[in-house]
Structure formats: C-alpha cells, structure tokens
Amino acid sequence: MRYHILTFGCQMNTADSQQLASELERLGCLAVDNPDQADIVVVNTCVVRQQAEERALNRLYLLRDAKQRDPNKVIGVMGCMVGVRDSLALRKKLPFVDVFLPPSEPQPMVEFLKARMTEHELREIEARDRARRDAFQDGDFADSALILPAHEQGRLISAHVPVVYGCSHACTFCIIPFRRGIERSRSVGEIVAHVRSLARQGVKEITLLGQIVDRYGKDIPDGPNLAQLLRILDGIGTEIGIERIRFLTSHPNWMTDELLDAVAELPRVMPHIEVPVQAGDDTVLANMKRGYTADDYRRLIERIRQRIPQVAINTDIIVGFPGETDAQFQRTYDLLAELKLDKVHLARYSPRPGTVSARRMDDDVPESEKRRRHEALEALQERTLAELNSRYLGETVQVLVEDQVRGKWRGRTPQNKLVFFESAGDLRGRLMNVQITWTGPWSLQGRIPLSADAREDAPLIVLAS
C-alpha cells in the first residue's frame, strides 16, 4: 500500500506525522508525493488559528470526492482537530473519514489497517519486525524506535523529537491543552532510543519539542529536567553522530539559569532560544494569563545574552488580543524595538472555541486594525534584522548543510539562519565554514574562506535569515 501524509501547523505536528509514517513503513507501506496515487491519505490538522483549521477542512473535503471515486481509499484525519477526546460532532461532520487519530497517536490507523490484512500479511509484518530487532541487537542501522521513509533515510539531516506532550499551563487564548491534553514527559530511555534511531538513518541535528519544553520532567517524580536531558544527549553525540541539538518552545517562567548554562557549556547545543513574549503590555499579559510582566521578560533576555555568547533569540507576538488598545500595542512595539530579537513569529488574534478568551472576552479589535499592527511589526522587524545581520559582515560562521533547493545547497548556522550555496560535490550533512561578505535584512552572502591551495573560483555562499 502507498501512503501520503499532509501536515498543517507546528513542529509537533511534523513530528507526529513522522511517527505515523514510521508505523506505516513498519506495515510495509510506501510513501508517495501525490495523494491521488496513495491508498492511504492522512491530514494532520492544526486548529491554533481559524485559518489553519479552514485549510485542513478544505483539503479534507477534496478528499471526500476522491473517496467517492475510490471507496477503497483510506482517509484519516489526525491532530488537534480530533483532539484527545473522541468528537461525535466531528465524525458526523466528516462521515467519509475512515480513521480519526488523536495528536501523537498513530495506533488507530495501525489497528484499522491490520484489521483488513490477511494472516499471511500479518506474519510478514511480524517477521520484518523481528528482523529489525535482531539487526538492532547486532549493532546494525535499523532500530524499532523509529523508521524513516525510504526516501528520507540518509537524506533527512534535521529532525524533531518530542520530549513532552500536551500542556497544563492554559493561557487564555490557547486551545492546545483542550486538544493535546495535560503535560506528559517521555522517559529518557525512550527519547535516547528515538534519537539513536534517527542518527542511524543519517540525521545530524535534532530539535527537542514541547509546548513548554522547559517543563520537561516536571511530571516525573525525581526525574531529570531539560538541562540534564541536554547533557545526556550532548554526551552521546560523538558516539552516534549527532552534530547539533536545539529545543523549543520555551516559556519565560521556566527558563532557569541551569538550562541557560547547559546551552552555554555544551558544544552540540546551539545558541538559539525560542521564548515567546506574546505582548509587551502588562495588562494584556495578565489577560492572557502568561504569568510575567514586560520587565520580567526584559530581565530574562538580559540573562540569556549574558550567559550565551552570540545567542539568537526568537519570540512570538499576538496582535489584536481582546481589549488591546493603541497604547498597549505601542508598548509591544517599543519592547521589540528595544530588545532587537532575531526573529518574531507574528499572529493576529483568532478566538478559539472553548478557550477562556473566546468565552469571556469580546474580540473587539477590528480585523483591519489587527492587520495594521501586524504590518507595523513586520516593518520594524525588517529594520531590526538589517541591523543585526550587518554584524556578521566579515565573520566566519559554521553551516550544517541539509539539502539542495533549485540547484543550490541549503544549510543553517548555529543561530538557525538559512544558507544556500552552489557546489558540484555532495555536501549533505557536512559542516562548512562560510565567511560573510554581504548582509541585508533577509539574507547574507559569503564564501568559503580561501586556503593556501584553494582555487580562485571557490563557490559563493548565500545565507538567508
């Protein structure tokens, strides 16, 4: 059987789709790029914003027509649209869907497909699993923890690894706790097995994921925290071939000095921090139930920069939260102008069913005003990036090469800035040093530094922030 997974939303959804693909590969299924050619199509959904939910529903309704043409095609819907509680209303809304999969739960699809298989097919699956376990015990590449699709083995350089599922913080605007459930951390052994399996299949960089990743281990009595987990993974990096480690997303209240010191001290943990502020006004932050003030966030940014040299700090901002006045938005604008962060993920407020803000607060900022505020922050960030990137001029940065795009190799710096360059050789998965020769707000350009015997026509490197 052939399968296709369409993923909307965050990095956690990407990781969930990878886990589902692993289970389908274990059953002997093969990935295809075209959903029309697939026997199994799964849409992994996001409902954090209304627009994302509508996009997923539109794709599902297109699949309804495909199901009518081919009743044997298996249609699945996964992720936050399904949620951790079985929704009878969703099943009535999408009667053509065969399988509903909660977030991070591939087993409903596995069980559905196995129920349709013959005894001979099930014996073949059992034999393949036994062979993989034997190969793992013999030190071979295969591992039962996770199987990448055949076309990604040896080609996927960077991958996401969930370490804590769900969230128990419950910001007033956020639907995640309702759809992904309470916070639950994975064991160290499970995470290490996951990382080892990725490394054996060519992955060089991992990003640890959690809705509040800094809270890893808080739900495990006497369990390790995120800083300790980073030290464990950094320690086995040489052995298994992992070059870089990142983590996201952090929360200002849980970013400890111990964690910052781990980032500063560990050679494989990158100087790249994702810590959303969401707003720069204390009243708005209190209405969001974020648990800190704008000055608290300022002090956190100062601590991060003091402890981690050359750090890149990214944040999230929501504009047009219920009740946000022009003056309150201006405080957000002023905070970003002052802190000069490396990337700002912007979103216009969208009420989500069941959240506190949707139930108790009026969505009273006009859409046109939300758009104006969004555009103002975009323009500010363009100017900020032009200034920040100019500091790279003449510097040499290290780039991990990921893949090829339109004939150019692409990779990332430790600060997670994208790199494109031309070369006839196969550089996938290699670390390259690049000297920056030109900077702009959205891209940098450079070249591989010339050695004594280097040719004058050394390839030109292009970096995009």
Protein backbone atom coordinates (compact mmCIF):
# COMPACT_ATOMS: atom_id res chain seq x y z
CA MET A 1 0.00 0.00 0.00
CA ARG A 2 1.06 3.57 -0.70
CA TYR A 3 0.51 6.44 1.73
CA HIS A 4 0.59 10.24 1.79
CA ILE A 5 0.53 12.46 4.90
CA LEU A 6 -0.38 16.14 4.62
CA THR A 7 0.74 18.13 7.66
CA PHE A 8 -0.56 21.51 8.84
CA GLY A 9 0.65 23.52 11.81
CA CYS A 10 3.54 23.33 14.22
CA GLN A 11 6.72 21.29 14.55
CA MET A 12 4.94 18.92 16.94
CA ASN A 13 2.55 18.01 14.12
CA THR A 14 5.56 17.40 11.87
CA ALA A 15 6.99 15.03 14.47
CA ASP A 16 3.61 13.28 14.85
CA SER A 17 3.43 12.78 11.08
CA GLN A 18 6.93 11.30 11.15
CA GLN A 19 5.87 8.84 13.87
CA LEU A 20 2.79 7.85 11.85
CA ALA A 21 4.95 7.38 8.75
CA SER A 22 7.24 5.15 10.80
CA GLU A 23 4.33 2.93 11.80
CA LEU A 24 3.09 2.74 8.21
CA GLU A 25 6.59 1.85 6.99
CA ARG A 26 6.64 -0.90 9.62
CA LEU A 27 3.50 -2.31 7.99
CA GLY A 28 5.27 -2.36 4.62
CA CYS A 29 3.61 0.79 3.20
CA LEU A 30 5.50 3.12 0.84
CA ALA A 31 5.39 6.93 0.84
CA VAL A 32 4.28 8.79 -2.30
CA ASP A 33 4.31 12.52 -3.03
CA ASN A 34 0.93 12.62 -4.78
CA PRO A 35 -2.18 11.94 -2.66
CA ASP A 36 -4.04 10.86 -5.81
CA GLN A 37 -1.64 7.92 -6.08
CA ALA A 38 -1.98 6.93 -2.43
CA ASP A 39 -4.11 4.14 -0.98
CA ILE A 40 -3.93 5.86 2.43
CA VAL A 41 -4.19 9.65 2.89
CA VAL A 42 -3.93 11.29 6.31
CA VAL A 43 -4.44 15.00 7.01
CA ASN A 44 -2.66 16.08 10.20
CA THR A 45 -4.57 19.15 11.36
CA CYS A 46 -3.96 22.35 13.31
CA VAL A 47 -6.65 24.47 14.99
CA VAL A 48 -4.50 27.08 16.75
CA ARG A 49 -5.74 29.63 14.20
CA GLN A 50 -9.05 29.68 12.35
CA GLN A 51 -7.24 29.93 9.01
CA ALA A 52 -5.27 26.74 9.68
CA GLU A 53 -8.45 24.87 10.59
CA GLU A 54 -10.19 26.05 7.42
CA ARG A 55 -7.25 24.96 5.23
CA ALA A 56 -7.35 21.47 6.71
CA LEU A 57 -11.11 21.20 6.27
CA ASN A 58 -10.88 22.35 2.65
CA ARG A 59 -8.32 19.63 1.93
CA LEU A 60 -10.49 17.03 3.65
CA TYR A 61 -13.50 18.00 1.54
CA LEU A 62 -11.39 17.50 -1.58
CA LEU A 63 -10.58 14.02 -0.30
CA ARG A 64 -14.30 13.35 0.05
CA ASP A 65 -14.53 13.50 -3.74
CA ALA A 66 -11.54 11.13 -4.04
CA LYS A 67 -13.24 8.73 -1.63
CA GLN A 68 -16.38 8.74 -3.77
CA ARG A 69 -14.29 7.84 -6.84
CA ASP A 70 -12.38 5.14 -4.97
CA PRO A 71 -14.26 3.74 -1.94
CA ASN A 72 -11.24 1.58 -1.03
CA LYS A 73 -9.04 4.63 -0.41
CA VAL A 74 -8.42 5.02 3.33
CA ILE A 75 -8.89 8.56 4.65
CA GLY A 76 -7.58 9.60 8.06
CA VAL A 77 -7.68 12.84 10.00
CA MET A 78 -5.16 13.39 12.77
CA GLY A 79 -4.11 16.06 15.23
CA CYS A 80 -5.70 18.91 17.12
CA MET A 81 -8.93 18.88 15.11
CA VAL A 82 -9.55 15.41 16.53
CA GLY A 83 -8.18 16.18 20.00
CA VAL A 84 -7.70 13.84 22.93
CA ARG A 85 -11.45 13.29 23.32
CA ASP A 86 -13.40 11.46 20.64
CA SER A 87 -15.66 14.00 18.98
CA LEU A 88 -19.00 12.66 17.77
CA ALA A 89 -19.70 16.04 16.15
CA LEU A 90 -16.52 15.76 14.05
CA ARG A 91 -17.40 12.23 12.97
CA LYS A 92 -20.82 13.46 11.82
CA LYS A 93 -19.20 16.39 10.02
CA LEU A 94 -16.74 14.11 8.18
CA PRO A 95 -18.62 10.84 7.58
CA PHE A 96 -16.29 9.87 4.72
CA VAL A 97 -13.26 9.70 7.05
CA ASP A 98 -12.29 6.13 7.97
CA VAL A 99 -9.92 6.77 10.89
CA PHE A 100 -9.69 9.55 13.49
CA LEU A 101 -6.28 9.81 15.17
CA PRO A 102 -5.70 11.96 18.29
CA PRO A 103 -2.49 14.02 18.43
CA SER A 104 0.65 11.85 18.70
CA GLU A 105 -1.40 8.64 18.47
CA PRO A 106 -0.76 6.62 15.27
CA GLN A 107 -2.22 3.36 16.63
CA PRO A 108 -5.84 3.87 15.44
CA MET A 109 -4.59 3.80 11.83
CA VAL A 110 -2.35 0.80 12.51
CA GLU A 111 -5.23 -1.14 14.04
CA PHE A 112 -7.58 -0.18 11.21
CA LEU A 113 -5.14 -1.39 8.55
CA LYS A 114 -4.22 -4.59 10.38
CA ALA A 115 -7.92 -5.49 10.66
CA ARG A 116 -8.07 -5.52 6.85
CA MET A 117 -4.96 -7.68 6.38
CA THR A 118 -4.73 -11.40 5.79
CA GLU A 119 -2.96 -13.74 8.21
CA HIS A 120 -0.13 -14.09 5.68
CA GLU A 121 0.37 -10.29 5.58
CA LEU A 122 0.37 -10.09 9.37
CA ARG A 123 3.00 -12.84 9.58
CA GLU A 124 5.18 -10.92 7.12
CA ILE A 125 4.94 -7.79 9.31
CA GLU A 126 5.91 -9.81 12.38
CA ALA A 127 8.89 -11.29 10.53
CA ARG A 128 10.09 -7.82 9.45
CA ASP A 129 9.81 -6.51 13.00
CA ARG A 130 11.78 -9.48 14.30
CA ALA A 131 14.49 -8.88 11.69
CA ARG A 132 14.73 -5.22 12.70
CA ARG A 133 15.08 -6.13 16.38
CA ASP A 134 17.80 -8.64 15.53
CA ALA A 135 19.62 -6.05 13.40
CA PHE A 136 19.47 -3.54 16.24
CA GLN A 137 20.92 -6.04 18.67
CA ASP A 138 23.73 -6.73 16.20
CA GLY A 139 24.57 -3.02 16.06
CA ASP A 140 23.18 -2.55 12.56
CA PHE A 141 21.40 0.64 11.38
CA ALA A 142 17.82 -0.50 11.97
CA ASP A 143 16.04 0.19 15.25
CA SER A 144 12.48 -0.43 16.35
CA ALA A 145 12.17 3.10 17.80
CA LEU A 146 11.51 4.94 14.53
CA ILE A 147 11.76 4.14 10.82
CA LEU A 148 12.12 6.97 8.34
CA PRO A 149 10.52 6.60 4.89
CA ALA A 150 12.94 5.06 2.44
CA HIS A 151 13.37 8.33 0.52
CA GLU A 152 14.42 10.16 3.73
CA GLN A 153 16.95 7.64 5.05
CA GLY A 154 20.40 9.18 4.63
CA ARG A 155 18.86 12.40 3.28
CA LEU A 156 16.98 13.90 6.23
CA ILE A 157 19.58 15.93 8.16
CA SER A 158 17.43 17.74 10.74
CA ALA A 159 14.51 16.15 12.63
CA HIS A 160 12.15 16.92 15.52
CA VAL A 161 11.96 14.80 18.68
CA PRO A 162 9.01 15.33 21.07
CA VAL A 163 10.09 15.19 24.71
CA VAL A 164 6.94 16.45 26.44
CA TYR A 165 3.40 16.15 25.08
CA GLY A 166 0.40 18.32 25.95
CA CYS A 167 0.31 21.41 28.16
CA SER A 168 -1.13 22.24 31.57
CA HIS A 169 -0.46 26.00 31.57
CA ALA A 170 -3.72 27.08 29.86
CA CYS A 171 -3.08 30.59 28.55
CA THR A 172 -6.48 32.20 27.98
CA PHE A 173 -6.06 32.29 24.17
CA CYS A 174 -4.65 28.78 23.71
CA ILE A 175 -6.59 25.72 22.61
CA ILE A 176 -3.66 23.29 22.93
CA PRO A 177 -4.48 21.99 26.46
CA PHE A 178 -8.02 21.16 25.29
CA ARG A 179 -6.83 19.31 22.18
CA ARG A 180 -3.49 17.77 23.23
CA GLY A 181 -4.25 17.04 26.87
CA ILE A 182 -2.25 17.52 30.03
CA GLU A 183 1.51 17.73 30.16
CA ARG A 184 3.32 14.36 29.97
CA SER A 185 7.04 13.81 29.60
CA ARG A 186 8.68 10.93 27.74
CA SER A 187 11.27 8.85 29.56
CA VAL A 188 14.96 9.46 28.93
CA GLY A 189 15.32 5.93 27.57
CA GLU A 190 12.53 6.45 25.05
CA ILE A 191 14.00 9.77 23.91
CA VAL A 192 17.52 8.35 23.58
CA ALA A 193 16.20 5.41 21.55
CA HIS A 194 14.35 7.85 19.29
CA VAL A 195 17.48 9.97 18.78
CA ARG A 196 19.69 6.92 18.16
CA SER A 197 17.29 5.63 15.51
CA LEU A 198 17.34 8.99 13.73
CA ALA A 199 21.14 9.18 13.88
CA ARG A 200 21.50 5.69 12.40
CA GLN A 201 19.42 6.87 9.45
CA GLY A 202 21.55 9.93 8.70
CA VAL A 203 20.06 12.69 10.89
CA LYS A 204 22.72 15.12 12.17
CA GLU A 205 20.58 17.68 14.03
CA ILE A 206 17.68 17.17 16.42
CA THR A 207 15.22 19.69 17.87
CA LEU A 208 13.57 18.68 21.16
CA LEU A 209 9.91 19.68 21.23
CA GLY A 210 7.35 20.60 23.85
CA GLN A 211 4.54 23.13 24.15
CA ILE A 212 6.56 24.33 27.16
CA VAL A 213 9.73 22.35 26.59
CA ASP A 214 11.41 23.83 29.70
CA ARG A 215 8.92 21.90 31.83
CA TYR A 216 10.30 18.56 30.65
CA GLY A 217 10.39 16.13 33.59
CA LYS A 218 8.22 18.22 35.93
CA ASP A 219 5.57 15.47 35.90
CA ILE A 220 8.07 12.66 36.68
CA PRO A 221 8.93 12.24 40.39
CA ASP A 222 12.71 12.65 40.81
CA GLY A 223 13.00 12.72 37.00
CA PRO A 224 15.62 14.68 35.05
CA ASN A 225 14.94 18.21 33.86
CA LEU A 226 15.60 19.62 30.40
CA ALA A 227 19.12 20.78 31.27
CA GLN A 228 20.03 17.27 32.42
CA LEU A 229 18.45 15.74 29.31
CA LEU A 230 20.53 18.07 27.11
CA ARG A 231 23.70 16.93 28.90
CA ILE A 232 22.80 13.28 28.32
CA LEU A 233 22.16 13.82 24.61
CA ASP A 234 25.24 16.00 24.18
CA GLY A 235 27.29 13.28 25.85
CA ILE A 236 26.30 10.62 23.34
CA GLY A 237 26.56 12.96 20.34
CA THR A 238 30.05 11.85 19.29
CA GLU A 239 29.15 8.19 19.62
CA ILE A 240 26.04 8.35 17.44
CA GLY A 241 26.93 11.20 15.04
CA ILE A 242 24.56 13.95 16.21
CA GLU A 243 26.22 17.30 15.48
CA ARG A 244 23.63 19.76 16.78
CA ILE A 245 20.83 19.92 19.35
CA ARG A 246 18.10 22.57 19.65
CA PHE A 247 14.90 22.84 21.71
CA LEU A 248 11.61 24.74 21.55
CA THR A 249 9.33 26.28 22.66
CA SER A 250 10.33 27.81 26.00
CA HIS A 251 8.24 29.81 28.48
CA PRO A 252 9.74 32.80 30.33
CA ASN A 253 8.68 31.42 33.72
CA TRP A 254 10.54 28.14 33.31
CA MET A 255 13.83 29.17 31.69
CA THR A 256 16.27 28.58 34.53
CA ASP A 257 19.92 29.56 34.87
CA GLU A 258 20.73 25.83 34.93
CA LEU A 259 19.20 25.47 31.48
CA LEU A 260 20.97 28.56 30.12
CA ASP A 261 24.28 27.32 31.49
CA ALA A 262 23.75 23.97 29.74
CA VAL A 263 23.23 25.79 26.43
CA ALA A 264 26.37 27.89 27.03
CA GLU A 265 28.56 24.95 28.05
CA LEU A 266 27.51 22.08 25.78
CA PRO A 267 29.23 22.10 22.36
CA ARG A 268 26.36 20.44 20.48
CA VAL A 269 23.56 22.58 21.94
CA MET A 270 23.09 25.58 19.66
CA PRO A 271 22.95 29.24 20.83
CA HIS A 272 19.35 29.55 19.65
CA ILE A 273 16.48 30.28 22.06
CA GLU A 274 12.75 30.41 21.27
CA VAL A 275 10.97 32.20 24.12
CA PRO A 276 7.60 33.85 23.30
CA VAL A 277 6.63 37.11 24.97
CA GLN A 278 3.22 37.41 23.17
CA ALA A 279 2.73 41.06 24.20
CA GLY A 280 4.63 43.99 25.70
CA ASP A 281 1.87 45.39 27.89
CA ASP A 282 1.36 44.11 31.44
CA THR A 283 -2.45 44.30 31.35
CA VAL A 284 -2.60 42.33 28.11
CA LEU A 285 -0.14 39.77 29.52
CA ALA A 286 -2.30 39.39 32.63
CA ASN A 287 -5.42 38.93 30.47
CA MET A 288 -3.51 36.27 28.51
CA LYS A 289 -2.59 34.57 31.83
CA ARG A 290 1.09 34.48 30.90
CA GLY A 291 2.38 34.88 34.46
CA TYR A 292 5.08 37.52 33.93
CA THR A 293 5.45 41.22 33.16
CA ALA A 294 7.22 43.03 30.35
CA ASP A 295 10.05 43.91 32.75
CA ASP A 296 10.36 40.23 33.74
CA TYR A 297 10.86 39.44 30.05
CA ARG A 298 13.44 42.21 29.68
CA ARG A 299 15.43 40.76 32.58
CA LEU A 300 15.22 37.28 31.05
CA ILE A 301 16.60 38.49 27.72
CA GLU A 302 19.47 40.16 29.59
CA ARG A 303 20.23 36.91 31.47
CA ILE A 304 20.20 34.90 28.23
CA ARG A 305 22.59 37.29 26.49
CA GLN A 306 24.93 37.41 29.47
CA ARG A 307 25.23 33.63 29.68
CA ILE A 308 25.20 32.59 25.99
CA PRO A 309 27.63 34.36 23.65
CA GLN A 310 26.38 35.04 20.11
CA VAL A 311 22.87 33.83 21.01
CA ALA A 312 19.92 34.27 18.65
CA ILE A 313 16.61 34.86 20.44
CA ASN A 314 13.25 34.36 18.74
CA THR A 315 9.83 35.28 20.08
CA ASP A 316 6.08 35.12 19.34
CA ILE A 317 3.67 38.06 19.30
CA ILE A 318 -0.14 38.11 19.12
CA VAL A 319 -1.62 41.42 17.94
CA GLY A 320 -5.23 42.43 18.46
CA PHE A 321 -5.88 40.44 21.65
CA PRO A 322 -9.29 41.32 23.13
CA GLY A 323 -9.22 44.79 24.63
CA GLU A 324 -5.76 45.69 23.30
CA THR A 325 -5.68 49.48 22.88
CA ASP A 326 -3.40 51.52 20.63
CA ALA A 327 -1.31 52.46 23.66
CA GLN A 328 -0.97 48.83 24.73
CA PHE A 329 0.08 47.80 21.24
CA GLN A 330 2.63 50.64 21.22
CA ARG A 331 4.23 49.13 24.34
CA THR A 332 4.62 45.85 22.44
CA TYR A 333 6.15 47.74 19.52
CA ASP A 334 8.52 49.61 21.85
CA LEU A 335 9.59 46.38 23.60
CA LEU A 336 10.58 44.76 20.30
CA ALA A 337 12.36 47.92 19.14
CA GLU A 338 14.32 47.93 22.40
CA LEU A 339 15.23 44.22 22.60
CA LYS A 340 16.12 43.71 18.91
CA LEU A 341 15.31 39.99 18.74
CA ASP A 342 16.43 37.79 15.86
CA LYS A 343 13.02 36.57 14.72
CA VAL A 344 9.43 37.44 15.60
CA HIS A 345 6.64 34.99 14.77
CA LEU A 346 3.60 37.24 14.32
CA ALA A 347 -0.06 36.25 14.53
CA ARG A 348 -3.34 38.15 14.55
CA TYR A 349 -5.59 37.07 17.41
CA SER A 350 -8.16 34.45 16.43
CA PRO A 351 -10.72 33.27 19.05
CA ARG A 352 -10.65 29.50 19.55
CA PRO A 353 -13.75 27.61 20.77
CA GLY A 354 -13.62 26.65 24.43
CA THR A 355 -10.77 28.94 25.44
CA VAL A 356 -11.21 31.48 28.23
CA SER A 357 -10.71 34.43 25.88
CA ALA A 358 -13.37 33.13 23.49
CA ARG A 359 -15.87 32.54 26.30
CA ARG A 360 -15.29 35.65 28.42
CA MET A 361 -13.72 38.34 26.22
CA ASP A 362 -15.06 40.24 23.23
CA ASP A 363 -12.99 40.01 20.04
CA ASP A 364 -13.26 43.79 19.81
CA VAL A 365 -10.18 44.79 17.77
CA PRO A 366 -11.26 45.20 14.12
CA GLU A 367 -9.55 42.94 11.60
CA SER A 368 -8.26 45.98 9.72
CA GLU A 369 -6.56 47.21 12.90
CA LYS A 370 -5.07 43.78 13.59
CA ARG A 371 -3.65 43.82 10.08
CA ARG A 372 -2.21 47.33 10.55
CA ARG A 373 -0.48 46.32 13.78
CA HIS A 374 0.82 43.14 12.18
CA GLU A 375 2.30 45.14 9.28
CA ALA A 376 3.87 47.69 11.62
CA LEU A 377 5.72 44.94 13.49
CA GLU A 378 6.80 43.33 10.22
CA ALA A 379 8.34 46.62 9.09
CA LEU A 380 10.06 47.06 12.45
CA GLN A 381 11.49 43.56 12.28
CA GLU A 382 12.85 44.16 8.77
CA ARG A 383 14.83 47.15 10.05
CA THR A 384 15.98 45.21 13.11
CA LEU A 385 17.22 42.29 11.01
CA ALA A 386 19.13 44.61 8.70
CA GLU A 387 20.98 45.93 11.75
CA LEU A 388 21.54 42.52 13.38
CA ASN A 389 22.71 40.84 10.19
CA SER A 390 25.18 43.63 9.45
CA ARG A 391 27.19 42.44 12.45
CA TYR A 392 28.04 39.24 10.57
CA LEU A 393 29.97 41.14 7.88
CA GLY A 394 33.47 39.70 7.65
CA GLU A 395 32.73 36.97 10.21
CA THR A 396 33.15 33.24 9.53
CA VAL A 397 30.16 31.09 10.55
CA GLN A 398 29.66 27.33 10.60
CA VAL A 399 26.85 25.87 8.48
CA LEU A 400 25.29 22.41 8.65
CA VAL A 401 24.26 21.53 5.09
CA GLU A 402 20.77 19.98 4.87
CA ASP A 403 19.65 19.57 1.27
CA GLN A 404 19.54 21.04 -2.22
CA VAL A 405 16.98 23.61 -3.39
CA ARG A 406 16.82 24.75 -7.01
CA GLY A 407 20.36 23.59 -7.64
CA LYS A 408 21.86 25.18 -4.50
CA TRP A 409 22.84 23.55 -1.25
CA ARG A 410 20.97 24.75 1.83
CA GLY A 411 22.00 24.65 5.49
CA ARG A 412 21.82 26.53 8.79
CA THR A 413 24.13 28.45 11.09
CA PRO A 414 24.21 27.76 14.85
CA GLN A 415 21.75 30.68 15.18
CA ASN A 416 19.39 28.86 12.75
CA LYS A 417 19.89 31.19 9.76
CA LEU A 418 19.44 29.50 6.40
CA VAL A 419 22.34 29.09 3.97
CA PHE A 420 22.33 28.47 0.21
CA PHE A 421 25.42 27.83 -1.92
CA GLU A 422 26.50 26.18 -5.16
CA SER A 423 28.83 23.18 -5.29
CA ALA A 424 29.32 20.17 -7.53
CA GLY A 425 30.11 17.91 -4.59
CA ASP A 426 27.70 16.13 -2.24
CA LEU A 427 27.80 18.18 0.96
CA ARG A 428 24.65 16.84 2.63
CA GLY A 429 25.19 16.53 6.38
CA ARG A 430 28.58 18.27 6.37
CA LEU A 431 29.67 21.25 8.47
CA MET A 432 31.04 24.09 6.29
CA ASN A 433 32.78 27.32 7.32
CA VAL A 434 31.49 30.40 5.50
CA GLN A 435 32.89 33.94 5.55
CA ILE A 436 30.20 36.63 5.24
CA THR A 437 30.83 39.25 2.54
CA TRP A 438 27.42 40.99 2.27
CA THR A 439 24.47 41.47 4.60
CA GLY A 440 20.84 42.52 4.22
CA PRO A 441 17.62 42.29 6.24
CA TRP A 442 16.56 38.91 4.88
CA SER A 443 19.78 37.37 3.58
CA LEU A 444 23.54 37.27 3.90
CA GLN A 445 26.12 36.31 1.30
CA GLY A 446 29.57 34.89 1.78
CA ARG A 447 32.20 32.46 0.56
CA ILE A 448 34.21 29.54 1.79
CA PRO A 449 37.45 31.05 3.13
CA LEU A 450 40.33 30.50 0.70
CA SER A 451 43.14 28.26 1.92
CA ALA A 452 46.69 28.44 0.57
CA ASP A 453 45.95 25.93 -2.18
CA ALA A 454 42.31 26.86 -2.78
CA ARG A 455 41.12 27.76 -6.28
CA GLU A 456 40.17 31.35 -7.02
CA ASP A 457 36.70 30.20 -8.16
CA ALA A 458 35.63 28.97 -4.69
CA PRO A 459 31.82 28.63 -4.51
CA LEU A 460 29.74 31.60 -3.40
CA ILE A 461 27.66 31.10 -0.26
CA VAL A 462 24.26 32.75 0.21
CA LEU A 463 22.66 32.87 3.68
CA ALA A 464 19.02 33.69 4.30
CA SER A 465 17.83 34.67 7.73
